[in-house]
Every structure is written in C-alpha cells, then in structure tokens.
Amino acid sequence: MAVLELINKNPSIKQKELVTETGKSLSTIKRLMESLQKKDHIRRVGGKRYGKWEISDLNNM
C-alpha cells in the first residue's frame, strides 16, 4: 500500500526512488509493480522513460 500512496503523490516516480522511500530492495519493488500491473491496479502511460503511473482506483483495493 505504501507503494501505491507514493505513486499517487508522484505519478512520475521512478523505481529507484521507491526503493529509497520504502527501504525495500529493487527486486522487491519490481515484483510489486509487476503484480500491481497484472491486477490492473496501476498502468504505465506515456512510455517507460517519460511516462507516468496511473492508478486505476484506490477505493477498490
């Protein structure tokens, strides 16, 4: 849930920034992000480099 809150505050946050903010490892963050994408909770809009994260609906989680 902390990852989703950070994405909500800063949709263009990078995975390395999430590592710093959460104290989790990069591999854990990548695994969490992949899981959230598969469950359609988040999606990437605008490409990998200059894109932003979009959260589907915080109320349904």
PDB file of N, CA and C in Angstrom:
ATOM      1  N   MET A   1       0.823  -1.195   0.000  1.00  0.00           N
ATOM      2  CA  MET A   1       0.000   0.000   0.000  1.00  0.00           C
ATOM      3  C   MET A   1       0.865   1.257   0.000  1.00  0.00           C
ATOM      4  N   ALA A   2       2.030   1.202   0.634  1.00  0.00           N
ATOM      5  CA  ALA A   2       2.927   2.358   0.664  1.00  0.00           C
ATOM      6  C   ALA A   2       3.364   2.730  -0.745  1.00  0.00           C
ATOM      7  N   VAL A   3       3.571   1.730  -1.581  1.00  0.00           N
ATOM      8  CA  VAL A   3       3.980   1.986  -2.967  1.00  0.00           C
ATOM      9  C   VAL A   3       2.876   2.731  -3.698  1.00  0.00           C
ATOM     10  N   LEU A   4       1.650   2.308  -3.525  1.00  0.00           N
ATOM     11  CA  LEU A   4       0.523   2.981  -4.184  1.00  0.00           C
ATOM     12  C   LEU A   4       0.367   4.424  -3.702  1.00  0.00           C
ATOM     13  N   GLU A   5       0.573   4.648  -2.433  1.00  0.00           N
ATOM     14  CA  GLU A   5       0.475   6.012  -1.908  1.00  0.00           C
ATOM     15  C   GLU A   5       1.558   6.906  -2.494  1.00  0.00           C
ATOM     16  N   LEU A   6       2.773   6.366  -2.629  1.00  0.00           N
ATOM     17  CA  LEU A   6       3.864   7.141  -3.224  1.00  0.00           C
ATOM     18  C   LEU A   6       3.591   7.433  -4.696  1.00  0.00           C
ATOM     19  N   ILE A   7       3.041   6.450  -5.407  1.00  0.00           N
ATOM     20  CA  ILE A   7       2.682   6.657  -6.818  1.00  0.00           C
ATOM     21  C   ILE A   7       1.581   7.699  -6.930  1.00  0.00           C
ATOM     22  N   ASN A   8       0.631   7.650  -6.010  1.00  0.00           N
ATOM     23  CA  ASN A   8      -0.466   8.615  -6.020  1.00  0.00           C
ATOM     24  C   ASN A   8       0.047  10.037  -5.813  1.00  0.00           C
ATOM     25  N   LYS A   9       1.029  10.201  -4.924  1.00  0.00           N
ATOM     26  CA  LYS A   9       1.614  11.521  -4.664  1.00  0.00           C
ATOM     27  C   LYS A   9       2.471  12.005  -5.828  1.00  0.00           C
ATOM     28  N   ASN A  10       3.184  11.062  -6.470  1.00  0.00           N
ATOM     29  CA  ASN A  10       4.101  11.421  -7.554  1.00  0.00           C
ATOM     30  C   ASN A  10       3.999  10.377  -8.671  1.00  0.00           C
ATOM     31  N   PRO A  11       3.076  10.579  -9.630  1.00  0.00           N
ATOM     32  CA  PRO A  11       2.863   9.598 -10.686  1.00  0.00           C
ATOM     33  C   PRO A  11       4.087   9.331 -11.569  1.00  0.00           C
ATOM     34  N   SER A  12       5.051  10.214 -11.586  1.00  0.00           N
ATOM     35  CA  SER A  12       6.232  10.001 -12.426  1.00  0.00           C
ATOM     36  C   SER A  12       7.413   9.461 -11.619  1.00  0.00           C
ATOM     37  N   ILE A  13       7.138   8.910 -10.431  1.00  0.00           N
ATOM     38  CA  ILE A  13       8.197   8.380  -9.567  1.00  0.00           C
ATOM     39  C   ILE A  13       8.897   7.195 -10.234  1.00  0.00           C
ATOM     40  N   LYS A  14      10.191   7.107 -10.011  1.00  0.00           N
ATOM     41  CA  LYS A  14      10.994   6.028 -10.574  1.00  0.00           C
ATOM     42  C   LYS A  14      11.120   4.903  -9.551  1.00  0.00           C
ATOM     43  N   GLN A  15      11.409   3.708 -10.050  1.00  0.00           N
ATOM     44  CA  GLN A  15      11.542   2.560  -9.156  1.00  0.00           C
ATOM     45  C   GLN A  15      12.666   2.762  -8.144  1.00  0.00           C
ATOM     46  N   LYS A  16      13.747   3.372  -8.559  1.00  0.00           N
ATOM     47  CA  LYS A  16      14.858   3.625  -7.628  1.00  0.00           C
ATOM     48  C   LYS A  16      14.436   4.576  -6.516  1.00  0.00           C
ATOM     49  N   GLU A  17      13.567   5.520  -6.820  1.00  0.00           N
ATOM     50  CA  GLU A  17      13.048   6.423  -5.789  1.00  0.00           C
ATOM     51  C   GLU A  17      12.139   5.663  -4.824  1.00  0.00           C
ATOM     52  N   LEU A  18      11.379   4.703  -5.349  1.00  0.00           N
ATOM     53  CA  LEU A  18      10.534   3.878  -4.489  1.00  0.00           C
ATOM     54  C   LEU A  18      11.386   3.043  -3.535  1.00  0.00           C
ATOM     55  N   VAL A  19      12.526   2.568  -4.026  1.00  0.00           N
ATOM     56  CA  VAL A  19      13.463   1.818  -3.184  1.00  0.00           C
ATOM     57  C   VAL A  19      13.912   2.686  -2.016  1.00  0.00           C
ATOM     58  N   THR A  20      14.297   3.913  -2.314  1.00  0.00           N
ATOM     59  CA  THR A  20      14.768   4.839  -1.283  1.00  0.00           C
ATOM     60  C   THR A  20      13.663   5.157  -0.274  1.00  0.00           C
ATOM     61  N   GLU A  21      12.478   5.417  -0.776  1.00  0.00           N
ATOM     62  CA  GLU A  21      11.362   5.818   0.091  1.00  0.00           C
ATOM     63  C   GLU A  21      10.839   4.679   0.966  1.00  0.00           C
ATOM     64  N   THR A  22      10.824   3.457   0.427  1.00  0.00           N
ATOM     65  CA  THR A  22      10.229   2.333   1.157  1.00  0.00           C
ATOM     66  C   THR A  22      11.241   1.503   1.938  1.00  0.00           C
ATOM     67  N   GLY A  23      12.511   1.569   1.537  1.00  0.00           N
ATOM     68  CA  GLY A  23      13.519   0.740   2.177  1.00  0.00           C
ATOM     69  C   GLY A  23      13.539  -0.690   1.668  1.00  0.00           C
ATOM     70  N   LYS A  24      12.749  -0.972   0.646  1.00  0.00           N
ATOM     71  CA  LYS A  24      12.708  -2.304   0.034  1.00  0.00           C
ATOM     72  C   LYS A  24      13.798  -2.407  -1.010  1.00  0.00           C
ATOM     73  N   SER A  25      14.111  -3.635  -1.422  1.00  0.00           N
ATOM     74  CA  SER A  25      15.122  -3.830  -2.462  1.00  0.00           C
ATOM     75  C   SER A  25      14.515  -3.537  -3.832  1.00  0.00           C
ATOM     76  N   LEU A  26      15.380  -3.292  -4.804  1.00  0.00           N
ATOM     77  CA  LEU A  26      14.919  -3.012  -6.162  1.00  0.00           C
ATOM     78  C   LEU A  26      14.143  -4.203  -6.719  1.00  0.00           C
ATOM     79  N   SER A  27      14.601  -5.410  -6.455  1.00  0.00           N
ATOM     80  CA  SER A  27      13.899  -6.598  -6.968  1.00  0.00           C
ATOM     81  C   SER A  27      12.503  -6.722  -6.350  1.00  0.00           C
ATOM     82  N   THR A  28      12.363  -6.349  -5.080  1.00  0.00           N
ATOM     83  CA  THR A  28      11.051  -6.381  -4.429  1.00  0.00           C
ATOM     84  C   THR A  28      10.120  -5.346  -5.046  1.00  0.00           C
ATOM     85  N   ILE A  29      10.628  -4.156  -5.283  1.00  0.00           N
ATOM     86  CA  ILE A  29       9.815  -3.100  -5.910  1.00  0.00           C
ATOM     87  C   ILE A  29       9.384  -3.524  -7.308  1.00  0.00           C
ATOM     88  N   LYS A  30      10.294  -4.087  -8.084  1.00  0.00           N
ATOM     89  CA  LYS A  30       9.946  -4.546  -9.434  1.00  0.00           C
ATOM     90  C   LYS A  30       8.858  -5.610  -9.376  1.00  0.00           C
ATOM     91  N   ARG A  31       8.975  -6.530  -8.424  1.00  0.00           N
ATOM     92  CA  ARG A  31       7.993  -7.599  -8.279  1.00  0.00           C
ATOM     93  C   ARG A  31       6.630  -7.021  -7.872  1.00  0.00           C
ATOM     94  N   LEU A  32       6.624  -6.057  -6.946  1.00  0.00           N
ATOM     95  CA  LEU A  32       5.379  -5.412  -6.526  1.00  0.00           C
ATOM     96  C   LEU A  32       4.711  -4.668  -7.683  1.00  0.00           C
ATOM     97  N   MET A  33       5.525  -3.935  -8.436  1.00  0.00           N
ATOM     98  CA  MET A  33       4.989  -3.152  -9.558  1.00  0.00           C
ATOM     99  C   MET A  33       4.394  -4.087 -10.622  1.00  0.00           C
ATOM    100  N   GLU A  34       5.079  -5.178 -10.891  1.00  0.00           N
ATOM    101  CA  GLU A  34       4.597  -6.146 -11.872  1.00  0.00           C
ATOM    102  C   GLU A  34       3.276  -6.760 -11.407  1.00  0.00           C
ATOM    103  N   SER A  35       3.195  -7.083 -10.135  1.00  0.00           N
ATOM    104  CA  SER A  35       1.973  -7.653  -9.572  1.00  0.00           C
ATOM    105  C   SER A  35       0.822  -6.658  -9.641  1.00  0.00           C
ATOM    106  N   LEU A  36       1.083  -5.407  -9.300  1.00  0.00           N
ATOM    107  CA  LEU A  36       0.042  -4.371  -9.370  1.00  0.00           C
ATOM    108  C   LEU A  36      -0.439  -4.151 -10.803  1.00  0.00           C
ATOM    109  N   GLN A  37       0.476  -4.251 -11.760  1.00  0.00           N
ATOM    110  CA  GLN A  37       0.092  -4.096 -13.162  1.00  0.00           C
ATOM    111  C   GLN A  37      -0.764  -5.276 -13.625  1.00  0.00           C
ATOM    112  N   LYS A  38      -0.391  -6.486 -13.240  1.00  0.00           N
ATOM    113  CA  LYS A  38      -1.157  -7.675 -13.639  1.00  0.00           C
ATOM    114  C   LYS A  38      -2.567  -7.660 -13.065  1.00  0.00           C
ATOM    115  N   LYS A  39      -2.704  -7.090 -11.875  1.00  0.00           N
ATOM    116  CA  LYS A  39      -4.016  -7.000 -11.226  1.00  0.00           C
ATOM    117  C   LYS A  39      -4.795  -5.769 -11.685  1.00  0.00           C
ATOM    118  N   ASP A  40      -4.237  -5.022 -12.631  1.00  0.00           N
ATOM    119  CA  ASP A  40      -4.861  -3.805 -13.182  1.00  0.00           C
ATOM    120  C   ASP A  40      -5.091  -2.715 -12.141  1.00  0.00           C
ATOM    121  N   HIS A  41      -4.233  -2.663 -11.114  1.00  0.00           N
ATOM    122  CA  HIS A  41      -4.316  -1.577 -10.139  1.00  0.00           C
ATOM    123  C   HIS A  41      -3.568  -0.344 -10.632  1.00  0.00           C
ATOM    124  N   ILE A  42      -2.490  -0.570 -11.390  1.00  0.00           N
ATOM    125  CA  ILE A  42      -1.726   0.534 -11.969  1.00  0.00           C
ATOM    126  C   ILE A  42      -1.399   0.205 -13.414  1.00  0.00           C
ATOM    127  N   ARG A  43      -1.108   1.262 -14.176  1.00  0.00           N
ATOM    128  CA  ARG A  43      -0.625   1.067 -15.544  1.00  0.00           C
ATOM    129  C   ARG A  43       0.290   2.230 -15.902  1.00  0.00           C
ATOM    130  N   ARG A  44       1.159   1.963 -16.843  1.00  0.00           N
ATOM    131  CA  ARG A  44       2.124   2.967 -17.283  1.00  0.00           C
ATOM    132  C   ARG A  44       1.545   3.680 -18.500  1.00  0.00           C
ATOM    133  N   VAL A  45       1.557   4.992 -18.466  1.00  0.00           N
ATOM    134  CA  VAL A  45       1.028   5.808 -19.563  1.00  0.00           C
ATOM    135  C   VAL A  45       2.154   6.688 -20.093  1.00  0.00           C
ATOM    136  N   GLY A  46       2.393   6.649 -21.383  1.00  0.00           N
ATOM    137  CA  GLY A  46       3.365   7.555 -21.984  1.00  0.00           C
ATOM    138  C   GLY A  46       4.770   7.002 -22.115  1.00  0.00           C
ATOM    139  N   GLY A  47       4.952   5.718 -21.977  1.00  0.00           N
ATOM    140  CA  GLY A  47       6.267   5.123 -22.200  1.00  0.00           C
ATOM    141  C   GLY A  47       7.087   4.957 -20.938  1.00  0.00           C
ATOM    142  N   LYS A  48       8.162   4.206 -21.077  1.00  0.00           N
ATOM    143  CA  LYS A  48       8.998   3.869 -19.925  1.00  0.00           C
ATOM    144  C   LYS A  48       9.800   5.056 -19.409  1.00  0.00           C
ATOM    145  N   ARG A  49      10.384   5.804 -20.285  1.00  0.00           N
ATOM    146  CA  ARG A  49      11.302   6.854 -19.853  1.00  0.00           C
ATOM    147  C   ARG A  49      10.607   8.124 -19.367  1.00  0.00           C
ATOM    148  N   TYR A  50       9.629   8.577 -20.122  1.00  0.00           N
ATOM    149  CA  TYR A  50       8.981   9.852 -19.769  1.00  0.00           C
ATOM    150  C   TYR A  50       7.528   9.678 -19.350  1.00  0.00           C
ATOM    151  N   GLY A  51       7.118   8.451 -19.142  1.00  0.00           N
ATOM    152  CA  GLY A  51       5.734   8.176 -18.795  1.00  0.00           C
ATOM    153  C   GLY A  51       5.429   8.404 -17.325  1.00  0.00           C
ATOM    154  N   LYS A  52       4.182   8.147 -16.992  1.00  0.00           N
ATOM    155  CA  LYS A  52       3.699   8.299 -15.625  1.00  0.00           C
ATOM    156  C   LYS A  52       2.888   7.067 -15.264  1.00  0.00           C
ATOM    157  N   TRP A  53       2.784   6.823 -13.968  1.00  0.00           N
ATOM    158  CA  TRP A  53       1.944   5.742 -13.471  1.00  0.00           C
ATOM    159  C   TRP A  53       0.543   6.270 -13.263  1.00  0.00           C
ATOM    160  N   GLU A  54      -0.418   5.457 -13.605  1.00  0.00           N
ATOM    161  CA  GLU A  54      -1.827   5.812 -13.414  1.00  0.00           C
ATOM    162  C   GLU A  54      -2.443   4.741 -12.527  1.00  0.00           C
ATOM    163  N   ILE A  55      -3.092   5.157 -11.462  1.00  0.00           N
ATOM    164  CA  ILE A  55      -3.740   4.219 -10.538  1.00  0.00           C
ATOM    165  C   ILE A  55      -5.187   4.051 -10.966  1.00  0.00           C
ATOM    166  N   SER A  56      -5.620   2.799 -11.057  1.00  0.00           N
ATOM    167  CA  SER A  56      -6.982   2.502 -11.505  1.00  0.00           C
ATOM    168  C   SER A  56      -8.013   3.060 -10.526  1.00  0.00           C
ATOM    169  N   ASP A  57      -8.027   2.543  -9.293  1.00  0.00           N
ATOM    170  CA  ASP A  57      -8.995   3.006  -8.306  1.00  0.00           C
ATOM    171  C   ASP A  57      -8.529   2.603  -6.921  1.00  0.00           C
ATOM    172  N   LEU A  58      -8.143   3.550  -6.103  1.00  0.00           N
ATOM    173  CA  LEU A  58      -7.666   3.271  -4.753  1.00  0.00           C
ATOM    174  C   LEU A  58      -8.760   2.702  -3.850  1.00  0.00           C
ATOM    175  N   ASN A  59     -10.009   3.020  -4.137  1.00  0.00           N
ATOM    176  CA  ASN A  59     -11.110   2.585  -3.283  1.00  0.00           C
ATOM    177  C   ASN A  59     -11.406   1.094  -3.396  1.00  0.00           C
ATOM    178  N   ASN A  60     -11.056   0.475  -4.520  1.00  0.00           N
ATOM    179  CA  ASN A  60     -11.340  -0.944  -4.725  1.00  0.00           C
ATOM    180  C   ASN A  60     -10.219  -1.856  -4.269  1.00  0.00           C
ATOM    181  N   MET A  61      -9.211  -1.335  -3.571  1.00  0.00           N
ATOM    182  CA  MET A  61      -8.073  -2.157  -3.151  1.00  0.00           C
ATOM    183  C   MET A  61      -8.163  -2.482  -1.691  1.00  0.00           C
TER     184      MET A  61
END
